[in-house]
Amino acid sequence: MLSLLLLWAVAGLGCGVLFADWLNQFQLGGFPLGFWFAQQGSIIVFVLIILVYAVLMNRMDARYRSEADASRRDGA
């Protein structure tokens, strides 16, 4: 979770604000990269982070659900 939060902070604050001047020397779709991250890139990264988080939590839920079911069967 910490790594996802750090990625969000770097993409949203870092690329969109702090490193925007440096990123503006590169172009993406005819627009400066710093502007692109501030307008679109950080939102796309945020949605991807949400998807990764959902997949990881579903895996964790499935693992703990199977462990809980196994302990209920053993205890019953």
N, C-alpha and C. Protein backbone atom coordinates (compact mmCIF):
# COMPACT_ATOMS: atom_id res chain seq x y z
N MET A 1 0.83 -1.18 0.00
CA MET A 1 0.00 0.00 0.00
C MET A 1 0.88 1.25 0.00
N LEU A 2 1.98 1.19 0.74
CA LEU A 2 2.87 2.34 0.79
C LEU A 2 3.47 2.64 -0.58
N SER A 3 3.83 1.60 -1.31
CA SER A 3 4.40 1.83 -2.64
C SER A 3 3.37 2.45 -3.59
N LEU A 4 2.10 2.05 -3.49
CA LEU A 4 1.06 2.66 -4.32
C LEU A 4 0.84 4.12 -3.94
N LEU A 5 0.91 4.44 -2.66
CA LEU A 5 0.76 5.83 -2.23
C LEU A 5 1.94 6.68 -2.70
N LEU A 6 3.13 6.11 -2.65
CA LEU A 6 4.30 6.85 -3.14
C LEU A 6 4.22 7.09 -4.64
N LEU A 7 3.77 6.09 -5.37
CA LEU A 7 3.59 6.24 -6.81
C LEU A 7 2.56 7.33 -7.12
N TRP A 8 1.48 7.35 -6.36
CA TRP A 8 0.45 8.38 -6.53
C TRP A 8 1.03 9.77 -6.26
N ALA A 9 1.82 9.90 -5.20
CA ALA A 9 2.40 11.20 -4.85
C ALA A 9 3.39 11.66 -5.92
N VAL A 10 4.20 10.75 -6.40
CA VAL A 10 5.18 11.10 -7.44
C VAL A 10 4.47 11.51 -8.73
N ALA A 11 3.46 10.75 -9.12
CA ALA A 11 2.75 11.06 -10.37
C ALA A 11 1.93 12.33 -10.25
N GLY A 12 1.22 12.48 -9.15
CA GLY A 12 0.33 13.64 -9.00
C GLY A 12 1.06 14.92 -8.66
N LEU A 13 1.85 14.88 -7.63
CA LEU A 13 2.54 16.09 -7.18
C LEU A 13 3.86 16.27 -7.90
N GLY A 14 4.63 15.19 -7.98
CA GLY A 14 5.95 15.29 -8.58
C GLY A 14 5.92 15.64 -10.05
N CYS A 15 5.29 14.78 -10.85
CA CYS A 15 5.28 15.00 -12.31
C CYS A 15 4.39 16.16 -12.72
N GLY A 16 3.31 16.37 -12.01
CA GLY A 16 2.38 17.44 -12.38
C GLY A 16 2.79 18.82 -11.92
N VAL A 17 3.58 18.90 -10.83
CA VAL A 17 3.90 20.21 -10.27
C VAL A 17 5.41 20.41 -10.13
N LEU A 18 6.06 19.56 -9.36
CA LEU A 18 7.46 19.78 -9.01
C LEU A 18 8.42 19.60 -10.18
N PHE A 19 8.20 18.58 -11.00
CA PHE A 19 9.10 18.30 -12.11
C PHE A 19 8.54 18.76 -13.45
N ALA A 20 7.48 19.57 -13.43
CA ALA A 20 6.81 19.97 -14.67
C ALA A 20 7.74 20.74 -15.59
N ASP A 21 8.55 21.64 -15.06
CA ASP A 21 9.44 22.42 -15.92
C ASP A 21 10.42 21.53 -16.65
N TRP A 22 10.98 20.54 -15.95
CA TRP A 22 11.92 19.62 -16.58
C TRP A 22 11.21 18.73 -17.59
N LEU A 23 10.00 18.26 -17.25
CA LEU A 23 9.26 17.39 -18.15
C LEU A 23 8.77 18.11 -19.40
N ASN A 24 8.65 19.45 -19.33
CA ASN A 24 8.15 20.21 -20.47
C ASN A 24 9.09 20.20 -21.66
N GLN A 25 10.32 19.75 -21.47
CA GLN A 25 11.22 19.67 -22.61
C GLN A 25 10.88 18.49 -23.53
N PHE A 26 10.03 17.58 -23.06
CA PHE A 26 9.57 16.44 -23.85
C PHE A 26 8.14 16.69 -24.32
N GLN A 27 7.78 16.12 -25.44
CA GLN A 27 6.44 16.28 -26.01
C GLN A 27 5.70 14.95 -26.00
N LEU A 28 4.40 15.00 -25.77
CA LEU A 28 3.54 13.83 -25.87
C LEU A 28 2.24 14.26 -26.54
N GLY A 29 2.01 13.80 -27.75
CA GLY A 29 0.82 14.19 -28.49
C GLY A 29 0.80 15.66 -28.84
N GLY A 30 1.96 16.27 -28.99
CA GLY A 30 2.04 17.68 -29.33
C GLY A 30 1.96 18.62 -28.15
N PHE A 31 1.87 18.08 -26.94
CA PHE A 31 1.80 18.90 -25.74
C PHE A 31 3.03 18.65 -24.87
N PRO A 32 3.46 19.64 -24.10
CA PRO A 32 4.58 19.43 -23.18
C PRO A 32 4.21 18.35 -22.16
N LEU A 33 5.17 17.49 -21.82
CA LEU A 33 4.89 16.36 -20.95
C LEU A 33 4.47 16.79 -19.54
N GLY A 34 5.04 17.88 -19.03
CA GLY A 34 4.62 18.38 -17.72
C GLY A 34 3.17 18.80 -17.71
N PHE A 35 2.74 19.49 -18.76
CA PHE A 35 1.33 19.87 -18.89
C PHE A 35 0.45 18.64 -19.00
N TRP A 36 0.90 17.64 -19.79
CA TRP A 36 0.13 16.42 -19.98
C TRP A 36 -0.06 15.70 -18.66
N PHE A 37 1.01 15.58 -17.85
CA PHE A 37 0.88 14.92 -16.55
C PHE A 37 -0.05 15.70 -15.63
N ALA A 38 0.03 17.01 -15.66
CA ALA A 38 -0.84 17.80 -14.78
C ALA A 38 -2.30 17.66 -15.18
N GLN A 39 -2.58 17.51 -16.48
CA GLN A 39 -3.96 17.46 -16.94
C GLN A 39 -4.52 16.05 -17.05
N GLN A 40 -3.73 15.11 -17.58
CA GLN A 40 -4.25 13.78 -17.88
C GLN A 40 -3.47 12.66 -17.21
N GLY A 41 -2.17 12.77 -17.22
CA GLY A 41 -1.32 11.67 -16.77
C GLY A 41 -1.54 11.26 -15.34
N SER A 42 -1.66 12.22 -14.44
CA SER A 42 -1.85 11.87 -13.04
C SER A 42 -3.20 11.19 -12.81
N ILE A 43 -4.21 11.56 -13.59
CA ILE A 43 -5.51 10.91 -13.47
C ILE A 43 -5.44 9.47 -13.96
N ILE A 44 -4.75 9.26 -15.09
CA ILE A 44 -4.58 7.90 -15.62
C ILE A 44 -3.80 7.04 -14.64
N VAL A 45 -2.73 7.59 -14.08
CA VAL A 45 -1.94 6.84 -13.09
C VAL A 45 -2.79 6.51 -11.88
N PHE A 46 -3.62 7.45 -11.43
CA PHE A 46 -4.48 7.22 -10.28
C PHE A 46 -5.48 6.09 -10.55
N VAL A 47 -6.07 6.06 -11.73
CA VAL A 47 -7.01 4.99 -12.08
C VAL A 47 -6.28 3.64 -12.14
N LEU A 48 -5.07 3.62 -12.69
CA LEU A 48 -4.29 2.38 -12.72
C LEU A 48 -3.93 1.90 -11.32
N ILE A 49 -3.62 2.83 -10.43
CA ILE A 49 -3.34 2.48 -9.03
C ILE A 49 -4.57 1.86 -8.38
N ILE A 50 -5.74 2.41 -8.66
CA ILE A 50 -6.98 1.85 -8.12
C ILE A 50 -7.19 0.43 -8.62
N LEU A 51 -6.93 0.20 -9.91
CA LEU A 51 -7.08 -1.15 -10.47
C LEU A 51 -6.11 -2.13 -9.83
N VAL A 52 -4.86 -1.73 -9.66
CA VAL A 52 -3.86 -2.60 -9.02
C VAL A 52 -4.28 -2.90 -7.59
N TYR A 53 -4.73 -1.89 -6.87
CA TYR A 53 -5.16 -2.07 -5.50
C TYR A 53 -6.35 -3.05 -5.42
N ALA A 54 -7.30 -2.90 -6.32
CA ALA A 54 -8.48 -3.79 -6.32
C ALA A 54 -8.07 -5.23 -6.59
N VAL A 55 -7.18 -5.45 -7.55
CA VAL A 55 -6.73 -6.80 -7.86
C VAL A 55 -6.00 -7.40 -6.67
N LEU A 56 -5.11 -6.63 -6.06
CA LEU A 56 -4.36 -7.14 -4.91
C LEU A 56 -5.27 -7.45 -3.72
N MET A 57 -6.25 -6.60 -3.47
CA MET A 57 -7.16 -6.84 -2.36
C MET A 57 -8.07 -8.03 -2.63
N ASN A 58 -8.48 -8.23 -3.89
CA ASN A 58 -9.28 -9.42 -4.22
C ASN A 58 -8.49 -10.69 -3.99
N ARG A 59 -7.21 -10.68 -4.35
CA ARG A 59 -6.37 -11.85 -4.10
C ARG A 59 -6.23 -12.11 -2.61
N MET A 60 -6.01 -11.04 -1.83
CA MET A 60 -5.86 -11.19 -0.40
C MET A 60 -7.16 -11.69 0.23
N ASP A 61 -8.30 -11.14 -0.20
CA ASP A 61 -9.59 -11.60 0.31
C ASP A 61 -9.81 -13.08 0.01
N ALA A 62 -9.48 -13.50 -1.19
CA ALA A 62 -9.66 -14.91 -1.56
C ALA A 62 -8.78 -15.81 -0.70
N ARG A 63 -7.55 -15.38 -0.45
CA ARG A 63 -6.65 -16.19 0.36
C ARG A 63 -7.16 -16.32 1.79
N TYR A 64 -7.54 -15.20 2.39
CA TYR A 64 -8.02 -15.26 3.77
C TYR A 64 -9.39 -15.92 3.88
N ARG A 65 -10.21 -15.79 2.85
CA ARG A 65 -11.51 -16.44 2.85
C ARG A 65 -11.33 -17.96 2.85
N SER A 66 -10.40 -18.46 2.04
CA SER A 66 -10.17 -19.91 2.00
C SER A 66 -9.57 -20.40 3.31
N GLU A 67 -8.71 -19.61 3.93
CA GLU A 67 -8.16 -19.98 5.24
C GLU A 67 -9.25 -19.99 6.30
N ALA A 68 -10.15 -19.03 6.27
CA ALA A 68 -11.24 -18.97 7.25
C ALA A 68 -12.20 -20.13 7.06
N ASP A 69 -12.49 -20.46 5.80
CA ASP A 69 -13.37 -21.60 5.53
C ASP A 69 -12.74 -22.90 6.02
N ALA A 70 -11.44 -23.05 5.82
CA ALA A 70 -10.73 -24.25 6.27
C ALA A 70 -10.74 -24.36 7.79
N SER A 71 -10.57 -23.23 8.49
CA SER A 71 -10.56 -23.27 9.95
C SER A 71 -11.97 -23.55 10.49
N ARG A 72 -13.01 -23.08 9.81
CA ARG A 72 -14.38 -23.36 10.22
C ARG A 72 -14.69 -24.85 10.06
N ARG A 73 -14.23 -25.43 8.96
CA ARG A 73 -14.46 -26.86 8.73
C ARG A 73 -13.73 -27.70 9.76
N ASP A 74 -12.51 -27.30 10.13
CA ASP A 74 -11.74 -28.05 11.10
C ASP A 74 -12.33 -27.89 12.52
N GLY A 75 -12.87 -26.72 12.80
CA GLY A 75 -13.43 -26.48 14.13
C GLY A 75 -14.82 -27.01 14.32
N ALA A 76 -15.53 -27.23 13.23
CA ALA A 76 -16.94 -27.65 13.35
C ALA A 76 -17.11 -29.12 13.52
